[in-house]
């Protein structure tokens, strides 16, 4: 019984590194147009240029940040120079 347990344990431990090495290699997901500045990547056929997004008219004071996110900018800014409160 002890010999069977030791053999089973040995086979299990021996199979673990083999199973870890059989994973498929991950394909790089970075496309040339997404690379940081200064980095050059070869062209990949699965990377396509995205069609330009249609420019939509937005209400005054809204800035489109992309991904369906808009920022509303409103209010006043005042700068007074040379004012003495006497």
PDB file of N, CA and C in Angstrom:
ATOM      1  N   UNK A   1       0.826  -1.186   0.000  1.00  0.00           N
ATOM      2  CA  UNK A   1       0.000   0.000   0.000  1.00  0.00           C
ATOM      3  C   UNK A   1       0.872   1.251   0.000  1.00  0.00           C
ATOM      4  N   UNK A   2       1.919   1.246   0.808  1.00  0.00           N
ATOM      5  CA  UNK A   2       2.805   2.396   0.891  1.00  0.00           C
ATOM      6  C   UNK A   2       3.566   2.582  -0.415  1.00  0.00           C
ATOM      7  N   UNK A   3       3.945   1.463  -1.051  1.00  0.00           N
ATOM      8  CA  UNK A   3       4.656   1.556  -2.327  1.00  0.00           C
ATOM      9  C   UNK A   3       3.757   2.167  -3.393  1.00  0.00           C
ATOM     10  N   UNK A   4       2.495   1.775  -3.433  1.00  0.00           N
ATOM     11  CA  UNK A   4       1.559   2.329  -4.416  1.00  0.00           C
ATOM     12  C   UNK A   4       1.371   3.835  -4.197  1.00  0.00           C
ATOM     13  N   UNK A   5       1.275   4.217  -2.951  1.00  0.00           N
ATOM     14  CA  UNK A   5       1.111   5.634  -2.635  1.00  0.00           C
ATOM     15  C   UNK A   5       2.337   6.433  -3.064  1.00  0.00           C
ATOM     16  N   UNK A   6       3.522   5.889  -2.813  1.00  0.00           N
ATOM     17  CA  UNK A   6       4.751   6.573  -3.219  1.00  0.00           C
ATOM     18  C   UNK A   6       4.873   6.659  -4.738  1.00  0.00           C
ATOM     19  N   UNK A   7       4.504   5.597  -5.441  1.00  0.00           N
ATOM     20  CA  UNK A   7       4.556   5.602  -6.904  1.00  0.00           C
ATOM     21  C   UNK A   7       3.562   6.624  -7.459  1.00  0.00           C
ATOM     22  N   UNK A   8       2.351   6.652  -6.913  1.00  0.00           N
ATOM     23  CA  UNK A   8       1.347   7.613  -7.374  1.00  0.00           C
ATOM     24  C   UNK A   8       1.805   9.048  -7.112  1.00  0.00           C
ATOM     25  N   UNK A   9       2.389   9.279  -5.953  1.00  0.00           N
ATOM     26  CA  UNK A   9       2.897  10.606  -5.617  1.00  0.00           C
ATOM     27  C   UNK A   9       4.038  10.999  -6.552  1.00  0.00           C
ATOM     28  N   UNK A  10       4.935  10.071  -6.835  1.00  0.00           N
ATOM     29  CA  UNK A  10       6.055  10.340  -7.736  1.00  0.00           C
ATOM     30  C   UNK A  10       5.560  10.672  -9.141  1.00  0.00           C
ATOM     31  N   UNK A  11       4.591   9.916  -9.649  1.00  0.00           N
ATOM     32  CA  UNK A  11       4.068  10.173 -10.993  1.00  0.00           C
ATOM     33  C   UNK A  11       3.346  11.522 -11.064  1.00  0.00           C
ATOM     34  N   UNK A  12       2.642  11.860 -10.006  1.00  0.00           N
ATOM     35  CA  UNK A  12       1.942  13.145  -9.980  1.00  0.00           C
ATOM     36  C   UNK A  12       2.934  14.302  -9.986  1.00  0.00           C
ATOM     37  N   UNK A  13       3.961  14.202  -9.167  1.00  0.00           N
ATOM     38  CA  UNK A  13       4.966  15.261  -9.098  1.00  0.00           C
ATOM     39  C   UNK A  13       5.734  15.349 -10.413  1.00  0.00           C
ATOM     40  N   UNK A  14       6.001  14.222 -11.043  1.00  0.00           N
ATOM     41  CA  UNK A  14       6.740  14.220 -12.306  1.00  0.00           C
ATOM     42  C   UNK A  14       5.906  14.806 -13.440  1.00  0.00           C
ATOM     43  N   UNK A  15       4.587  14.681 -13.376  1.00  0.00           N
ATOM     44  CA  UNK A  15       3.727  15.175 -14.451  1.00  0.00           C
ATOM     45  C   UNK A  15       3.456  16.671 -14.346  1.00  0.00           C
ATOM     46  N   UNK A  16       3.620  17.279 -13.187  1.00  0.00           N
ATOM     47  CA  UNK A  16       3.318  18.703 -13.022  1.00  0.00           C
ATOM     48  C   UNK A  16       4.166  19.606 -13.915  1.00  0.00           C
ATOM     49  N   UNK A  17       5.486  19.451 -13.962  1.00  0.00           N
ATOM     50  CA  UNK A  17       6.254  20.324 -14.855  1.00  0.00           C
ATOM     51  C   UNK A  17       5.928  20.094 -16.324  1.00  0.00           C
ATOM     52  N   UNK A  18       5.597  18.877 -16.703  1.00  0.00           N
ATOM     53  CA  UNK A  18       5.261  18.603 -18.097  1.00  0.00           C
ATOM     54  C   UNK A  18       3.962  19.296 -18.474  1.00  0.00           C
ATOM     55  N   UNK A  19       2.985  19.305 -17.587  1.00  0.00           N
ATOM     56  CA  UNK A  19       1.717  19.972 -17.874  1.00  0.00           C
ATOM     57  C   UNK A  19       1.904  21.481 -17.937  1.00  0.00           C
ATOM     58  N   UNK A  20       2.794  22.014 -17.124  1.00  0.00           N
ATOM     59  CA  UNK A  20       3.026  23.455 -17.128  1.00  0.00           C
ATOM     60  C   UNK A  20       3.693  23.899 -18.422  1.00  0.00           C
ATOM     61  N   UNK A  21       4.528  23.062 -19.004  1.00  0.00           N
ATOM     62  CA  UNK A  21       5.221  23.423 -20.228  1.00  0.00           C
ATOM     63  C   UNK A  21       4.391  23.256 -21.482  1.00  0.00           C
ATOM     64  N   UNK A  22       3.227  22.651 -21.400  1.00  0.00           N
ATOM     65  CA  UNK A  22       2.423  22.395 -22.584  1.00  0.00           C
ATOM     66  C   UNK A  22       1.454  23.515 -22.920  1.00  0.00           C
ATOM     67  N   UNK A  23       1.493  24.604 -22.185  1.00  0.00           N
ATOM     68  CA  UNK A  23       0.603  25.718 -22.501  1.00  0.00           C
ATOM     69  C   UNK A  23       1.010  26.332 -23.828  1.00  0.00           C
ATOM     70  N   UNK A  24       0.011  26.763 -24.584  1.00  0.00           N
ATOM     71  CA  UNK A  24       0.292  27.414 -25.852  1.00  0.00           C
ATOM     72  C   UNK A  24       0.887  28.794 -25.628  1.00  0.00           C
ATOM     73  N   UNK A  25       1.733  29.189 -26.527  1.00  0.00           N
ATOM     74  CA  UNK A  25       2.344  30.507 -26.406  1.00  0.00           C
ATOM     75  C   UNK A  25       1.298  31.580 -26.685  1.00  0.00           C
ATOM     76  N   UNK A  26       1.322  32.647 -25.885  1.00  0.00           N
ATOM     77  CA  UNK A  26       0.381  33.739 -26.089  1.00  0.00           C
ATOM     78  C   UNK A  26       0.846  34.589 -27.263  1.00  0.00           C
ATOM     79  N   UNK A  27      -0.090  34.992 -28.067  1.00  0.00           N
ATOM     80  CA  UNK A  27       0.232  35.885 -29.162  1.00  0.00           C
ATOM     81  C   UNK A  27       0.306  37.312 -28.630  1.00  0.00           C
ATOM     82  N   UNK A  28       1.224  38.097 -29.144  1.00  0.00           N
ATOM     83  CA  UNK A  28       1.280  39.485 -28.690  1.00  0.00           C
ATOM     84  C   UNK A  28       0.015  40.222 -29.116  1.00  0.00           C
ATOM     85  N   UNK A  29      -0.481  41.063 -28.242  1.00  0.00           N
ATOM     86  CA  UNK A  29      -1.720  41.777 -28.528  1.00  0.00           C
ATOM     87  C   UNK A  29      -1.475  43.223 -28.938  1.00  0.00           C
ATOM     88  N   UNK A  30      -0.243  43.669 -28.913  1.00  0.00           N
ATOM     89  CA  UNK A  30       0.053  45.056 -29.217  1.00  0.00           C
ATOM     90  C   UNK A  30       0.191  45.234 -30.723  1.00  0.00           C
ATOM     91  N   UNK A  31      -0.611  46.110 -31.277  1.00  0.00           N
ATOM     92  CA  UNK A  31      -0.557  46.419 -32.701  1.00  0.00           C
ATOM     93  C   UNK A  31       0.395  47.593 -32.919  1.00  0.00           C
ATOM     94  N   UNK A  32       0.958  47.723 -34.125  1.00  0.00           N
ATOM     95  CA  UNK A  32       1.915  48.808 -34.377  1.00  0.00           C
ATOM     96  C   UNK A  32       1.339  50.191 -34.100  1.00  0.00           C
ATOM     97  N   UNK A  33       0.061  50.413 -34.395  1.00  0.00           N
ATOM     98  CA  UNK A  33      -0.511  51.738 -34.165  1.00  0.00           C
ATOM     99  C   UNK A  33      -0.762  52.006 -32.682  1.00  0.00           C
ATOM    100  N   UNK A  34      -0.737  50.969 -31.840  1.00  0.00           N
ATOM    101  CA  UNK A  34      -0.943  51.143 -30.404  1.00  0.00           C
ATOM    102  C   UNK A  34       0.370  51.213 -29.627  1.00  0.00           C
ATOM    103  N   UNK A  35       1.481  51.033 -30.298  1.00  0.00           N
ATOM    104  CA  UNK A  35       2.777  50.999 -29.616  1.00  0.00           C
ATOM    105  C   UNK A  35       3.154  52.388 -29.111  1.00  0.00           C
ATOM    106  N   UNK A  36       3.879  52.462 -28.013  1.00  0.00           N
ATOM    107  CA  UNK A  36       4.329  53.761 -27.511  1.00  0.00           C
ATOM    108  C   UNK A  36       5.282  54.425 -28.498  1.00  0.00           C
ATOM    109  N   UNK A  37       5.443  55.728 -28.356  1.00  0.00           N
ATOM    110  CA  UNK A  37       6.325  56.444 -29.273  1.00  0.00           C
ATOM    111  C   UNK A  37       7.754  55.939 -29.114  1.00  0.00           C
ATOM    112  N   UNK A  38       8.437  55.806 -30.220  1.00  0.00           N
ATOM    113  CA  UNK A  38       9.805  55.314 -30.211  1.00  0.00           C
ATOM    114  C   UNK A  38       9.919  53.811 -30.352  1.00  0.00           C
ATOM    115  N   UNK A  39       8.802  53.090 -30.325  1.00  0.00           N
ATOM    116  CA  UNK A  39       8.807  51.633 -30.452  1.00  0.00           C
ATOM    117  C   UNK A  39       8.271  51.276 -31.829  1.00  0.00           C
ATOM    118  N   UNK A  40       9.016  50.484 -32.563  1.00  0.00           N
ATOM    119  CA  UNK A  40       8.582  50.067 -33.896  1.00  0.00           C
ATOM    120  C   UNK A  40       8.293  48.582 -33.871  1.00  0.00           C
ATOM    121  N   UNK A  41       7.105  48.219 -34.313  1.00  0.00           N
ATOM    122  CA  UNK A  41       6.693  46.823 -34.377  1.00  0.00           C
ATOM    123  C   UNK A  41       6.439  46.448 -35.827  1.00  0.00           C
ATOM    124  N   UNK A  42       6.654  45.180 -36.196  1.00  0.00           N
ATOM    125  CA  UNK A  42       6.352  44.765 -37.567  1.00  0.00           C
ATOM    126  C   UNK A  42       4.843  44.762 -37.795  1.00  0.00           C
ATOM    127  N   UNK A  43       4.459  44.934 -39.054  1.00  0.00           N
ATOM    128  CA  UNK A  43       3.041  44.906 -39.401  1.00  0.00           C
ATOM    129  C   UNK A  43       2.468  43.528 -39.127  1.00  0.00           C
ATOM    130  N   UNK A  44       1.254  43.504 -38.611  1.00  0.00           N
ATOM    131  CA  UNK A  44       0.565  42.241 -38.331  1.00  0.00           C
ATOM    132  C   UNK A  44      -0.738  42.235 -39.108  1.00  0.00           C
ATOM    133  N   UNK A  45      -1.062  41.120 -39.765  1.00  0.00           N
ATOM    134  CA  UNK A  45      -2.292  41.089 -40.567  1.00  0.00           C
ATOM    135  C   UNK A  45      -3.559  41.165 -39.725  1.00  0.00           C
ATOM    136  N   UNK A  46      -3.509  40.736 -38.471  1.00  0.00           N
ATOM    137  CA  UNK A  46      -4.721  40.771 -37.660  1.00  0.00           C
ATOM    138  C   UNK A  46      -4.958  42.141 -37.034  1.00  0.00           C
ATOM    139  N   UNK A  47      -4.036  43.086 -37.231  1.00  0.00           N
ATOM    140  CA  UNK A  47      -4.235  44.457 -36.744  1.00  0.00           C
ATOM    141  C   UNK A  47      -4.738  45.303 -37.905  1.00  0.00           C
ATOM    142  N   UNK A  48      -5.916  45.840 -37.743  1.00  0.00           N
ATOM    143  CA  UNK A  48      -6.494  46.677 -38.790  1.00  0.00           C
ATOM    144  C   UNK A  48      -6.603  48.104 -38.279  1.00  0.00           C
ATOM    145  N   UNK A  49      -6.579  49.008 -39.202  1.00  0.00           N
ATOM    146  CA  UNK A  49      -6.828  50.397 -38.843  1.00  0.00           C
ATOM    147  C   UNK A  49      -8.304  50.541 -38.521  1.00  0.00           C
ATOM    148  N   UNK A  50      -8.593  51.159 -37.420  1.00  0.00           N
ATOM    149  CA  UNK A  50      -9.986  51.393 -37.044  1.00  0.00           C
ATOM    150  C   UNK A  50     -10.543  52.509 -37.912  1.00  0.00           C
ATOM    151  N   UNK A  51     -11.781  52.358 -38.374  1.00  0.00           N
ATOM    152  CA  UNK A  51     -12.359  53.432 -39.179  1.00  0.00           C
ATOM    153  C   UNK A  51     -12.507  54.688 -38.321  1.00  0.00           C
ATOM    154  N   UNK A  52     -12.302  55.839 -38.917  1.00  0.00           N
ATOM    155  CA  UNK A  52     -12.412  57.061 -38.117  1.00  0.00           C
ATOM    156  C   UNK A  52     -13.829  57.230 -37.587  1.00  0.00           C
ATOM    157  N   UNK A  53     -13.912  57.640 -36.346  1.00  0.00           N
ATOM    158  CA  UNK A  53     -15.222  57.826 -35.725  1.00  0.00           C
ATOM    159  C   UNK A  53     -15.893  59.055 -36.320  1.00  0.00           C
ATOM    160  N   UNK A  54     -17.183  58.960 -36.481  1.00  0.00           N
ATOM    161  CA  UNK A  54     -17.933  60.084 -37.024  1.00  0.00           C
ATOM    162  C   UNK A  54     -17.903  61.235 -36.018  1.00  0.00           C
ATOM    163  N   UNK A  55     -17.649  62.411 -36.529  1.00  0.00           N
ATOM    164  CA  UNK A  55     -17.611  63.581 -35.663  1.00  0.00           C
ATOM    165  C   UNK A  55     -19.042  64.031 -35.442  1.00  0.00           C
ATOM    166  N   UNK A  56     -19.430  64.090 -34.187  1.00  0.00           N
ATOM    167  CA  UNK A  56     -20.796  64.506 -33.888  1.00  0.00           C
ATOM    168  C   UNK A  56     -20.763  65.874 -33.231  1.00  0.00           C
ATOM    169  N   UNK A  57     -21.786  66.617 -33.497  1.00  0.00           N
ATOM    170  CA  UNK A  57     -21.888  67.941 -32.892  1.00  0.00           C
ATOM    171  C   UNK A  57     -22.278  67.772 -31.431  1.00  0.00           C
ATOM    172  N   UNK A  58     -21.530  68.391 -30.576  1.00  0.00           N
ATOM    173  CA  UNK A  58     -21.834  68.307 -29.153  1.00  0.00           C
ATOM    174  C   UNK A  58     -22.336  69.656 -28.678  1.00  0.00           C
ATOM    175  N   UNK A  59     -22.988  69.647 -27.562  1.00  0.00           N
ATOM    176  CA  UNK A  59     -23.487  70.883 -26.979  1.00  0.00           C
ATOM    177  C   UNK A  59     -22.313  71.729 -26.505  1.00  0.00           C
ATOM    178  N   UNK A  60     -22.471  73.047 -26.492  1.00  0.00           N
ATOM    179  CA  UNK A  60     -21.382  73.895 -26.007  1.00  0.00           C
ATOM    180  C   UNK A  60     -21.041  73.565 -24.555  1.00  0.00           C
ATOM    181  N   UNK A  61     -19.771  73.484 -24.263  1.00  0.00           N
ATOM    182  CA  UNK A  61     -19.338  73.192 -22.905  1.00  0.00           C
ATOM    183  C   UNK A  61     -19.058  71.728 -22.646  1.00  0.00           C
ATOM    184  N   UNK A  62     -19.305  70.858 -23.618  1.00  0.00           N
ATOM    185  CA  UNK A  62     -19.045  69.435 -23.452  1.00  0.00           C
ATOM    186  C   UNK A  62     -17.831  69.042 -24.276  1.00  0.00           C
ATOM    187  N   UNK A  63     -16.978  68.233 -23.686  1.00  0.00           N
ATOM    188  CA  UNK A  63     -15.795  67.722 -24.367  1.00  0.00           C
ATOM    189  C   UNK A  63     -15.909  66.207 -24.404  1.00  0.00           C
ATOM    190  N   UNK A  64     -15.796  65.626 -25.611  1.00  0.00           N
ATOM    191  CA  UNK A  64     -15.883  64.175 -25.758  1.00  0.00           C
ATOM    192  C   UNK A  64     -14.528  63.568 -25.429  1.00  0.00           C
ATOM    193  N   UNK A  65     -14.481  62.698 -24.402  1.00  0.00           N
ATOM    194  CA  UNK A  65     -13.239  62.047 -23.992  1.00  0.00           C
ATOM    195  C   UNK A  65     -13.054  60.689 -24.649  1.00  0.00           C
ATOM    196  N   UNK A  66     -14.045  60.207 -25.379  1.00  0.00           N
ATOM    197  CA  UNK A  66     -13.979  58.903 -26.017  1.00  0.00           C
ATOM    198  C   UNK A  66     -14.628  57.837 -25.163  1.00  0.00           C
ATOM    199  N   UNK A  67     -14.900  56.695 -25.761  1.00  0.00           N
ATOM    200  CA  UNK A  67     -15.547  55.564 -25.084  1.00  0.00           C
ATOM    201  C   UNK A  67     -16.885  55.952 -24.470  1.00  0.00           C
ATOM    202  N   UNK A  68     -17.585  56.883 -25.103  1.00  0.00           N
ATOM    203  CA  UNK A  68     -18.891  57.291 -24.605  1.00  0.00           C
ATOM    204  C   UNK A  68     -18.843  58.174 -23.375  1.00  0.00           C
ATOM    205  N   UNK A  69     -17.690  58.749 -23.088  1.00  0.00           N
ATOM    206  CA  UNK A  69     -17.542  59.603 -21.914  1.00  0.00           C
ATOM    207  C   UNK A  69     -17.440  61.053 -22.358  1.00  0.00           C
ATOM    208  N   UNK A  70     -18.244  61.909 -21.743  1.00  0.00           N
ATOM    209  CA  UNK A  70     -18.205  63.336 -22.048  1.00  0.00           C
ATOM    210  C   UNK A  70     -17.966  64.108 -20.760  1.00  0.00           C
ATOM    211  N   UNK A  71     -17.255  65.211 -20.886  1.00  0.00           N
ATOM    212  CA  UNK A  71     -16.927  66.051 -19.744  1.00  0.00           C
ATOM    213  C   UNK A  71     -17.595  67.397 -19.941  1.00  0.00           C
ATOM    214  N   UNK A  72     -18.330  67.855 -18.938  1.00  0.00           N
ATOM    215  CA  UNK A  72     -18.982  69.159 -19.016  1.00  0.00           C
ATOM    216  C   UNK A  72     -18.086  70.192 -18.349  1.00  0.00           C
ATOM    217  N   UNK A  73     -17.753  71.226 -19.107  1.00  0.00           N
ATOM    218  CA  UNK A  73     -16.917  72.301 -18.604  1.00  0.00           C
ATOM    219  C   UNK A  73     -17.779  73.551 -18.575  1.00  0.00           C
ATOM    220  N   UNK A  74     -17.972  74.098 -17.391  1.00  0.00           N
ATOM    221  CA  UNK A  74     -18.776  75.317 -17.281  1.00  0.00           C
ATOM    222  C   UNK A  74     -18.283  76.135 -16.105  1.00  0.00           C
ATOM    223  N   UNK A  75     -18.817  77.333 -15.976  1.00  0.00           N
ATOM    224  CA  UNK A  75     -18.442  78.192 -14.864  1.00  0.00           C
ATOM    225  C   UNK A  75     -17.665  79.391 -15.350  1.00  0.00           C
ATOM    226  N   UNK A  76     -17.216  80.156 -14.408  1.00  0.00           N
ATOM    227  CA  UNK A  76     -16.482  81.370 -14.731  1.00  0.00           C
ATOM    228  C   UNK A  76     -15.135  81.349 -14.027  1.00  0.00           C
ATOM    229  N   UNK A  77     -14.183  81.990 -14.657  1.00  0.00           N
ATOM    230  CA  UNK A  77     -12.870  82.163 -14.045  1.00  0.00           C
ATOM    231  C   UNK A  77     -12.550  83.647 -14.066  1.00  0.00           C
ATOM    232  N   UNK A  78     -12.131  84.179 -12.936  1.00  0.00           N
ATOM    233  CA  UNK A  78     -11.837  85.603 -12.835  1.00  0.00           C
ATOM    234  C   UNK A  78     -10.419  85.764 -12.313  1.00  0.00           C
ATOM    235  N   UNK A  79      -9.717  86.698 -12.922  1.00  0.00           N
ATOM    236  CA  UNK A  79      -8.366  87.018 -12.468  1.00  0.00           C
ATOM    237  C   UNK A  79      -8.285  88.531 -12.345  1.00  0.00           C
ATOM    238  N   UNK A  80      -8.019  89.009 -11.160  1.00  0.00           N
ATOM    239  CA  UNK A  80      -7.918  90.444 -10.942  1.00  0.00           C
ATOM    240  C   UNK A  80      -6.482  90.779 -10.588  1.00  0.00           C
ATOM    241  N   UNK A  81      -5.964  91.793 -11.262  1.00  0.00           N
ATOM    242  CA  UNK A  81      -4.581  92.177 -11.036  1.00  0.00           C
ATOM    243  C   UNK A  81      -4.534  93.651 -10.648  1.00  0.00           C
ATOM    244  N   UNK A  82      -3.780  93.947  -9.646  1.00  0.00           N
ATOM    245  CA  UNK A  82      -3.617  95.331  -9.232  1.00  0.00           C
ATOM    246  C   UNK A  82      -4.770  95.854  -8.400  1.00  0.00           C
ATOM    247  N   UNK A  83      -5.581  95.007  -7.886  1.00  0.00           N
ATOM    248  CA  UNK A  83      -6.725  95.428  -7.080  1.00  0.00           C
ATOM    249  C   UNK A  83      -6.287  95.576  -5.638  1.00  0.00           C
ATOM    250  N   UNK A  84      -6.550  96.724  -5.069  1.00  0.00           N
ATOM    251  CA  UNK A  84      -6.306  96.933  -3.644  1.00  0.00           C
ATOM    252  C   UNK A  84      -7.647  97.139  -2.987  1.00  0.00           C
ATOM    253  N   UNK A  85      -7.943  96.412  -2.029  1.00  0.00           N
ATOM    254  CA  UNK A  85      -9.263  96.436  -1.392  1.00  0.00           C
ATOM    255  C   UNK A  85      -9.409  97.520  -0.347  1.00  0.00           C
ATOM    256  N   UNK A  86      -9.087  98.813  -0.646  1.00  0.00           N
ATOM    257  CA  UNK A  86      -9.224  99.900   0.329  1.00  0.00           C
ATOM    258  C   UNK A  86     -10.587 100.470   0.346  1.00  0.00           C
TER     259      UNK A  86
END
